[in-house]
Protein backbone atom coordinates (compact mmCIF):
# COMPACT_ATOMS: atom_id res chain seq x y z
CA UNK A 1 93.66 104.87 -21.68
CA UNK A 2 94.11 108.31 -19.89
CA UNK A 3 97.19 110.21 -19.89
CA UNK A 4 98.00 113.75 -18.10
CA UNK A 5 100.24 116.55 -19.10
CA UNK A 6 101.42 118.24 -15.66
CA UNK A 7 103.38 121.23 -14.80
CA UNK A 8 104.05 124.39 -13.87
CA UNK A 9 102.38 127.93 -16.08
CA UNK A 10 104.52 128.18 -18.97
CA UNK A 11 105.89 124.40 -18.83
CA UNK A 12 104.69 123.54 -22.34
CA UNK A 13 101.63 121.02 -21.46
CA UNK A 14 99.15 122.33 -23.57
CA UNK A 15 101.38 122.27 -26.53
CA UNK A 16 102.74 118.93 -25.74
CA UNK A 17 99.39 117.57 -24.83
CA UNK A 18 98.28 118.69 -28.65
CA UNK A 19 101.43 117.56 -30.22
CA UNK A 20 100.69 113.71 -28.86
CA UNK A 21 97.17 114.35 -29.81
CA UNK A 22 97.95 114.35 -33.48
CA UNK A 23 101.15 111.76 -33.35
CA UNK A 24 98.13 109.28 -32.03
CA UNK A 25 95.20 110.49 -34.10
CA UNK A 26 97.96 109.57 -37.43
CA UNK A 27 98.54 106.54 -36.38
CA UNK A 28 94.69 106.03 -36.24
CA UNK A 29 93.81 106.52 -32.65
CA UNK A 30 90.63 108.02 -31.30
CA UNK A 31 91.72 110.67 -29.38
CA UNK A 32 89.85 112.88 -26.77
CA UNK A 33 92.19 116.54 -26.18
CA UNK A 34 91.21 118.36 -23.00
CA UNK A 35 92.00 120.45 -20.52
CA UNK A 36 91.90 119.98 -17.11
CA UNK A 37 89.63 122.69 -14.82
CA UNK A 38 86.96 122.28 -17.77
CA UNK A 39 86.37 120.35 -20.60
CA UNK A 40 82.59 120.53 -19.26
CA UNK A 41 80.11 123.53 -19.44
CA UNK A 42 80.50 124.01 -15.89
CA UNK A 43 84.19 122.94 -15.82
CA UNK A 44 84.44 126.19 -18.12
CA UNK A 45 82.65 128.30 -15.74
CA UNK A 46 84.59 127.45 -12.59
CA UNK A 47 87.75 127.89 -14.56
CA UNK A 48 86.52 131.46 -15.89
CA UNK A 49 85.80 132.14 -12.36
CA UNK A 50 89.32 130.53 -10.75
CA UNK A 51 91.45 132.10 -13.05
CA UNK A 52 89.74 135.50 -14.07
CA UNK A 53 87.90 136.13 -10.87
CA UNK A 54 88.54 138.66 -8.08
CA UNK A 55 91.95 137.62 -6.11
CA UNK A 56 90.07 137.29 -2.60
CA UNK A 57 89.61 133.21 -3.08
CA UNK A 58 90.14 131.30 0.43
CA UNK A 59 92.42 128.76 -0.21
CA UNK A 60 89.33 126.10 0.51
CA UNK A 61 86.82 127.65 -1.59
CA UNK A 62 89.72 127.43 -4.30
CA UNK A 63 90.42 123.42 -3.45
CA UNK A 64 86.33 122.95 -3.53
CA UNK A 65 85.98 124.90 -6.96
CA UNK A 66 88.97 122.52 -8.48
CA UNK A 67 87.09 119.40 -7.51
CA UNK A 68 83.82 120.66 -8.09
CA UNK A 69 84.50 120.85 -11.89
CA UNK A 70 86.65 117.53 -12.11
CA UNK A 71 83.85 115.39 -10.62
CA UNK A 72 82.31 117.25 -13.81
CA UNK A 73 84.93 115.97 -16.09
CA UNK A 74 85.47 112.83 -14.71
CA UNK A 75 81.83 112.11 -15.21
CA UNK A 76 81.21 114.17 -18.31
CA UNK A 77 84.63 113.36 -20.28
CA UNK A 78 86.88 111.35 -19.36
CA UNK A 79 84.77 107.99 -17.75
CA UNK A 80 82.22 108.25 -21.08
CA UNK A 81 85.40 107.99 -23.23
CA UNK A 82 87.59 105.97 -21.67
CA UNK A 83 84.65 103.19 -21.78
CA UNK A 84 83.84 104.08 -26.11
CA UNK A 85 88.29 102.96 -26.38
CA UNK A 86 89.35 106.47 -26.67
CA UNK A 87 93.21 108.21 -25.72
CA UNK A 88 92.28 110.83 -23.33
CA UNK A 89 94.74 113.01 -23.45
CA UNK A 90 94.20 115.92 -20.40
CA UNK A 91 96.16 119.04 -19.92
CA UNK A 92 95.91 119.04 -15.98
CA UNK A 93 94.78 117.20 -13.43
CA UNK A 94 94.33 115.67 -10.39
CA UNK A 95 99.07 115.96 -9.63
CA UNK A 96 98.03 120.01 -10.16
CA UNK A 97 95.82 120.04 -7.39
CA UNK A 98 98.35 118.39 -4.91
CA UNK A 99 100.99 120.59 -5.90
CA UNK A 100 98.77 124.42 -6.19
CA UNK A 101 96.27 123.99 -3.33
CA UNK A 102 97.98 120.83 -1.20
CA UNK A 103 101.81 122.19 -1.56
CA UNK A 104 101.53 125.63 -2.65
CA UNK A 105 98.60 126.94 -0.85
CA UNK A 106 99.65 124.80 2.32
CA UNK A 107 96.55 122.59 3.08
CA UNK A 108 96.56 119.58 4.19
CA UNK A 109 97.94 116.75 1.08
CA UNK A 110 96.01 113.83 3.42
CA UNK A 111 92.71 115.89 3.18
CA UNK A 112 93.59 117.42 -0.38
CA UNK A 113 94.09 113.31 -1.26
CA UNK A 114 90.83 112.35 0.51
CA UNK A 115 88.95 114.78 -1.11
CA UNK A 116 89.79 114.29 -4.52
CA UNK A 117 89.39 110.42 -4.58
CA UNK A 118 85.74 111.71 -3.63
CA UNK A 119 85.69 113.43 -6.73
CA UNK A 120 87.85 111.64 -9.15
CA UNK A 121 85.70 108.32 -8.04
CA UNK A 122 89.46 106.65 -7.71
CA UNK A 123 89.84 107.34 -11.27
CA UNK A 124 93.63 107.56 -11.77
CA UNK A 125 95.79 108.18 -14.69
CA UNK A 126 97.58 105.84 -16.82
CA UNK A 127 100.66 107.78 -16.90
CA UNK A 128 101.44 111.30 -16.10
CA UNK A 129 104.01 113.40 -17.94
CA UNK A 130 105.60 116.08 -15.55
CA UNK A 131 107.12 118.45 -17.66
CA UNK A 132 110.28 120.17 -15.38
CA UNK A 133 110.85 123.98 -16.16
CA UNK A 134 112.24 126.94 -14.14
CA UNK A 135 110.03 129.41 -12.72
CA UNK A 136 111.46 132.30 -14.37
CA UNK A 137 112.26 130.17 -17.89
CA UNK A 138 108.05 129.33 -17.48
CA UNK A 139 107.21 133.47 -16.58
CA UNK A 140 109.45 134.39 -19.32
CA UNK A 141 107.71 132.46 -22.37
CA UNK A 142 104.60 133.62 -21.24
CA UNK A 143 105.69 137.44 -21.29
CA UNK A 144 106.96 136.68 -24.34
CA UNK A 145 103.78 135.20 -25.82
CA UNK A 146 102.47 138.59 -24.64
CA UNK A 147 99.66 137.21 -22.30
CA UNK A 148 98.19 138.92 -19.50
CA UNK A 149 99.02 136.80 -15.72
CA UNK A 150 95.63 134.90 -14.59
CA UNK A 151 95.17 135.50 -10.77
CA UNK A 152 97.15 132.03 -9.63
CA UNK A 153 100.38 132.86 -12.56
CA UNK A 154 100.08 136.82 -9.74
CA UNK A 155 100.44 134.30 -6.79
CA UNK A 156 103.67 135.36 -6.77
CA UNK A 157 107.37 134.12 -7.57
CA UNK A 158 107.15 131.87 -3.84
CA UNK A 159 104.14 130.51 -4.39
CA UNK A 160 105.36 128.97 -8.39
CA UNK A 161 108.88 128.06 -6.90
CA UNK A 162 107.06 125.84 -4.22
CA UNK A 163 105.20 124.76 -7.02
CA UNK A 164 107.95 123.93 -9.10
CA UNK A 165 109.15 121.72 -6.01
CA UNK A 166 106.26 119.67 -5.37
CA UNK A 167 106.31 118.77 -9.19
CA UNK A 168 109.63 117.22 -8.90
CA UNK A 169 108.70 115.73 -5.61
CA UNK A 170 105.58 114.31 -7.46
CA UNK A 171 106.75 113.21 -10.63
CA UNK A 172 109.86 111.32 -9.29
CA UNK A 173 106.98 109.65 -6.43
CA UNK A 174 103.16 109.47 -7.85
CA UNK A 175 102.66 105.89 -9.11
CA UNK A 176 102.70 106.06 -12.83
CA UNK A 177 104.23 109.45 -12.90
CA UNK A 178 107.37 110.61 -15.15
CA UNK A 179 109.44 114.07 -14.58
CA UNK A 180 110.68 115.10 -18.27
CA UNK A 181 112.58 118.21 -18.67
CA UNK A 182 110.79 120.77 -20.33
CA UNK A 183 113.29 123.09 -21.51
CA UNK A 184 114.45 122.73 -24.88
CA UNK A 185 112.29 122.91 -28.72
CA UNK A 186 109.12 121.59 -28.36
CA UNK A 187 109.91 118.66 -31.03
CA UNK A 188 112.71 117.41 -28.69
CA UNK A 189 110.38 117.48 -25.54
CA UNK A 190 107.57 115.75 -27.81
CA UNK A 191 110.77 113.30 -28.23
CA UNK A 192 111.90 112.90 -24.69
CA UNK A 193 107.61 112.02 -23.98
CA UNK A 194 107.45 109.85 -26.34
CA UNK A 195 110.15 107.46 -25.40
CA UNK A 196 109.22 107.45 -21.75
CA UNK A 197 105.43 106.52 -23.24
CA UNK A 198 107.13 104.16 -25.86
CA UNK A 199 108.68 101.83 -22.84
CA UNK A 200 105.64 102.36 -20.94
CA UNK A 201 102.93 101.55 -23.16
CA UNK A 202 104.83 99.73 -26.72
CA UNK A 203 101.50 98.28 -27.57
CA UNK A 204 100.11 102.47 -27.80
CA UNK A 205 103.53 104.34 -28.06
CA UNK A 206 105.89 101.90 -29.27
CA UNK A 207 104.63 102.62 -33.12
CA UNK A 208 104.49 106.36 -32.45
CA UNK A 209 108.15 106.54 -31.32
CA UNK A 210 110.11 109.56 -33.12
């Protein structure tokens, strides 16, 4: 099973992916916890270039780098893990590209989807949980954590509002997606995620409802 956590910067994706992995491991499941872009050596190198390189990266270049990392991610991490019967939990996947490079950067969503299909080989998540959070709250969380803004986080409030709206739209319209409120205590958000996944996949998550 392939589960993806999505959302704007500061929405709590990494925390919720970790909590979900811990819950499933405690229930005896084999879990691969990973992130995207990243996971593979080439993916991590691309991640560093995209997030911590110069600001002069054209939108199409950004898209193609993201998808190059994704192709390596699918071939090197996700597909082998699924073939072994593991549950893969990823912090971001294709919906990030639709939201950031499609809606945020203004690239043609049809073209983005087409190239993404080539990069993924058509591999879709079994479920995508979108954490819905106000942009200002996400930024406040980053500042409270003392994290320096990366290149994408520096794109400006207008850009991030477009991305947040895109996530709300995609969370309601994409197959297999579910929109979950990302505000509140992490354990409360985790419980909401478990309820959503438990309703959809009781054989895997039903016993993990808290």
